[in-house]
Amino acid sequence: MTTLTAASPSRTVATGTRTAVTAAGLAGAVACAGAIAGWFTLAGTFQAESSRTPFSIVTCLITGLAFAVLATTVPGLAAGTRLPRWSLGLASLACTFIVIPAWTFGTVIPHLAGQVTAAQFDALGKADLPLVLLHLPAQLLGLVGFVALAVVGWRRHAMSRGACVVLVLAGLAALIPDFLPVGLLAGVALAWLARSARTDIDS
């Protein structure tokens, strides 16, 4: 006599969420790494020109899409793991503030670069008080969101210690007014977290 068993719905959802977070995290990290490499390969060109290259646009759009997936799926890791939903929710909000500039640099910025001169475009990026205030919420939320998740994960032994360390680095990188460094570190950390998150029954 053969007995048929099926995986529980909660376990199936948890496995699907881990897979989605891992894939999106790695995609975002690779896209950010490619964009950072573009800083060196496109060195010497005007910022307006470099922002309109297909490579720059595609890497920014992939980053935006990857972190949009992370923003919606990371809270789902609370099911079946030791991580509380509030800490995952903060990290999800931090991911949202990576989506916004990534998508902007993949759409609005290239369009704007084609409408103004190179000198005017460079002048738009110079730091002043309004621009600093624009970046401030994303910087603070990135710092708090990723570091809080790292601390909770470390104290509860809920994930790899390495993932916790990279999450802290991502939080610190969020203080840099550029989404690429924090995107690279956060993508790696969240993918690592998804693969190493422990359940209540794990030893």
Protein backbone atom coordinates (compact mmCIF):
# COMPACT_ATOMS: atom_id res chain seq x y z
CA MET A 1 0.00 0.00 0.00
CA THR A 2 1.43 3.36 -1.01
CA THR A 3 0.92 6.49 1.07
CA LEU A 4 0.99 9.80 -0.77
CA THR A 5 2.19 12.86 1.14
CA ALA A 6 2.21 16.49 0.06
CA ALA A 7 4.34 19.36 1.25
CA SER A 8 2.49 21.68 3.62
CA PRO A 9 1.37 25.00 2.10
CA SER A 10 3.39 27.00 4.65
CA ARG A 11 6.57 25.10 3.82
CA THR A 12 5.96 25.58 0.08
CA VAL A 13 5.43 29.32 0.56
CA ALA A 14 8.55 29.61 2.72
CA THR A 15 10.65 27.80 0.12
CA GLY A 16 9.27 29.97 -2.68
CA THR A 17 9.98 33.14 -0.69
CA ARG A 18 13.56 32.08 0.02
CA THR A 19 14.09 31.37 -3.68
CA ALA A 20 12.60 34.72 -4.73
CA VAL A 21 14.69 36.69 -2.22
CA THR A 22 17.85 34.83 -3.17
CA ALA A 23 17.35 35.35 -6.90
CA ALA A 24 16.37 39.02 -6.56
CA GLY A 25 19.21 39.73 -4.14
CA LEU A 26 21.82 38.24 -6.44
CA ALA A 27 20.36 39.99 -9.50
CA GLY A 28 20.43 43.33 -7.70
CA ALA A 29 23.97 42.79 -6.45
CA VAL A 30 25.27 41.82 -9.90
CA ALA A 31 23.55 44.81 -11.53
CA CYS A 32 25.03 47.19 -8.95
CA ALA A 33 28.47 45.64 -9.36
CA GLY A 34 28.20 46.12 -13.11
CA ALA A 35 27.16 49.75 -12.70
CA ILE A 36 30.07 50.38 -10.32
CA ALA A 37 32.43 48.82 -12.85
CA GLY A 38 30.97 51.26 -15.35
CA TRP A 39 32.34 54.11 -13.25
CA PHE A 40 35.81 53.01 -14.31
CA THR A 41 35.12 51.99 -17.89
CA LEU A 42 33.29 55.26 -18.57
CA ALA A 43 35.75 57.44 -16.66
CA GLY A 44 36.61 60.58 -18.57
CA THR A 45 33.21 60.94 -20.22
CA PHE A 46 30.68 63.59 -19.25
CA GLN A 47 28.15 62.52 -16.63
CA ALA A 48 25.31 63.32 -19.02
CA GLU A 49 26.80 61.10 -21.69
CA SER A 50 27.56 58.19 -19.35
CA SER A 51 24.06 58.27 -17.82
CA ARG A 52 22.53 57.77 -21.29
CA THR A 53 24.52 54.66 -22.21
CA PRO A 54 22.42 51.50 -22.63
CA PHE A 55 24.64 49.71 -20.11
CA SER A 56 23.97 52.31 -17.41
CA ILE A 57 20.24 52.36 -18.11
CA VAL A 58 19.88 48.57 -18.10
CA THR A 59 21.86 48.05 -14.89
CA CYS A 60 19.79 50.70 -13.11
CA LEU A 61 16.50 49.19 -14.31
CA ILE A 62 17.55 45.69 -13.26
CA THR A 63 18.54 47.04 -9.86
CA GLY A 64 15.18 48.76 -9.51
CA LEU A 65 13.22 45.65 -10.49
CA ALA A 66 15.31 43.38 -8.24
CA PHE A 67 14.83 45.56 -5.17
CA ALA A 68 11.12 45.96 -5.94
CA VAL A 69 10.89 42.16 -5.69
CA LEU A 70 12.91 42.25 -2.46
CA ALA A 71 10.69 44.95 -0.98
CA THR A 72 7.62 42.75 -1.51
CA THR A 73 9.09 39.35 -0.62
CA VAL A 74 11.48 39.97 2.30
CA PRO A 75 8.64 40.28 4.89
CA GLY A 76 7.51 36.79 3.84
CA LEU A 77 10.66 35.35 5.41
CA ALA A 78 8.99 35.79 8.80
CA ALA A 79 6.98 32.64 8.07
CA GLY A 80 8.91 29.66 9.35
CA THR A 81 12.03 31.52 10.53
CA ARG A 82 13.20 33.10 13.77
CA LEU A 83 13.14 36.59 12.28
CA PRO A 84 10.34 38.92 13.49
CA ARG A 85 8.17 40.57 10.88
CA TRP A 86 8.91 44.10 12.14
CA SER A 87 12.64 43.78 11.43
CA LEU A 88 12.00 42.33 7.99
CA GLY A 89 9.49 45.13 7.37
CA LEU A 90 12.12 47.77 8.12
CA ALA A 91 14.54 46.09 5.73
CA SER A 92 11.76 45.97 3.13
CA LEU A 93 11.26 49.74 3.44
CA ALA A 94 15.02 50.23 3.07
CA CYS A 95 14.84 48.23 -0.16
CA THR A 96 12.08 50.54 -1.39
CA PHE A 97 14.43 53.50 -1.03
CA ILE A 98 16.87 51.70 -3.32
CA VAL A 99 14.13 51.09 -5.90
CA ILE A 100 13.30 54.80 -6.20
CA PRO A 101 16.74 56.17 -7.18
CA ALA A 102 17.60 53.09 -9.26
CA TRP A 103 14.45 53.46 -11.38
CA THR A 104 14.96 57.23 -11.55
CA PHE A 105 18.50 56.81 -12.87
CA GLY A 106 17.23 54.30 -15.41
CA THR A 107 14.43 56.51 -16.73
CA VAL A 108 14.21 60.16 -15.66
CA ILE A 109 17.92 60.97 -15.48
CA PRO A 110 18.77 59.74 -19.03
CA HIS A 111 15.81 61.72 -20.37
CA LEU A 112 16.93 64.83 -18.49
CA ALA A 113 20.50 64.40 -19.72
CA GLY A 114 19.25 64.65 -23.27
CA GLN A 115 17.42 67.91 -22.62
CA VAL A 116 20.21 70.02 -21.07
CA THR A 117 23.86 70.71 -21.80
CA ALA A 118 26.62 68.68 -20.14
CA ALA A 119 27.56 71.64 -17.94
CA GLN A 120 23.96 72.16 -16.83
CA PHE A 121 23.59 68.47 -16.09
CA ASP A 122 26.74 68.42 -13.94
CA ALA A 123 25.51 71.49 -12.05
CA LEU A 124 22.26 69.70 -11.18
CA GLY A 125 24.17 67.03 -9.27
CA LYS A 126 26.11 69.38 -7.02
CA ALA A 127 25.29 68.90 -3.36
CA ASP A 128 23.26 71.61 -1.64
CA LEU A 129 20.86 71.63 1.32
CA PRO A 130 17.72 70.56 -0.60
CA LEU A 131 19.60 67.67 -2.19
CA VAL A 132 21.00 66.60 1.18
CA LEU A 133 17.51 66.67 2.69
CA LEU A 134 16.21 64.64 -0.25
CA HIS A 135 18.69 61.84 0.47
CA LEU A 136 18.35 61.96 4.27
CA PRO A 137 15.23 59.74 4.76
CA ALA A 138 16.66 57.00 2.54
CA GLN A 139 20.02 57.15 4.32
CA LEU A 140 18.53 56.93 7.80
CA LEU A 141 16.03 54.22 6.92
CA GLY A 142 18.73 52.18 5.18
CA LEU A 143 20.97 52.44 8.23
CA VAL A 144 18.24 51.56 10.73
CA GLY A 145 16.53 48.91 8.59
CA PHE A 146 19.55 46.83 7.66
CA VAL A 147 21.40 47.20 10.98
CA ALA A 148 18.29 46.36 13.02
CA LEU A 149 17.75 43.18 10.99
CA ALA A 150 21.42 42.27 11.45
CA VAL A 151 21.27 42.77 15.24
CA VAL A 152 18.06 40.77 15.61
CA GLY A 153 19.40 37.99 13.40
CA TRP A 154 22.66 37.85 15.37
CA ARG A 155 21.02 37.82 18.82
CA ARG A 156 18.47 35.17 17.85
CA HIS A 157 21.00 33.06 15.92
CA ALA A 158 18.46 33.32 13.11
CA MET A 159 20.89 33.41 10.19
CA SER A 160 24.52 33.22 9.20
CA ARG A 161 26.83 35.55 11.14
CA GLY A 162 28.41 36.47 7.80
CA ALA A 163 25.04 37.69 6.52
CA CYS A 164 24.65 39.80 9.66
CA VAL A 165 28.04 41.44 9.08
CA VAL A 166 27.25 42.23 5.45
CA LEU A 167 23.88 43.68 6.50
CA VAL A 168 25.67 46.04 8.90
CA LEU A 169 28.00 47.08 6.08
CA ALA A 170 24.96 47.69 3.88
CA GLY A 171 23.46 49.90 6.58
CA LEU A 172 26.65 51.94 6.77
CA ALA A 173 26.85 52.13 2.97
CA ALA A 174 23.33 53.59 2.98
CA LEU A 175 24.88 56.78 4.40
CA ILE A 176 26.64 57.28 1.06
CA PRO A 177 24.37 59.38 -1.22
CA ASP A 178 24.49 56.76 -3.99
CA PHE A 179 22.31 53.66 -4.24
CA LEU A 180 24.92 51.41 -5.89
CA PRO A 181 27.18 50.56 -2.89
CA VAL A 182 24.25 49.88 -0.57
CA GLY A 183 22.47 47.97 -3.35
CA LEU A 184 25.48 45.72 -3.89
CA LEU A 185 25.91 44.92 -0.19
CA ALA A 186 22.20 44.64 0.60
CA GLY A 187 21.61 42.33 -2.36
CA VAL A 188 24.37 39.97 -1.23
CA ALA A 189 23.26 40.13 2.41
CA LEU A 190 19.60 39.43 1.73
CA ALA A 191 20.36 36.56 -0.62
CA TRP A 192 22.69 35.10 2.03
CA LEU A 193 20.03 35.65 4.70
CA ALA A 194 17.41 33.83 2.63
CA ARG A 195 19.64 30.78 2.20
CA SER A 196 20.83 30.68 5.82
CA ALA A 197 17.72 31.73 7.81
CA ARG A 198 17.04 29.17 10.53
CA THR A 199 13.68 27.81 11.60
CA ASP A 200 12.50 27.17 15.13
CA ILE A 201 13.21 23.46 14.71
CA ASP A 202 16.82 24.00 13.59
CA SER A 203 19.43 23.24 16.19
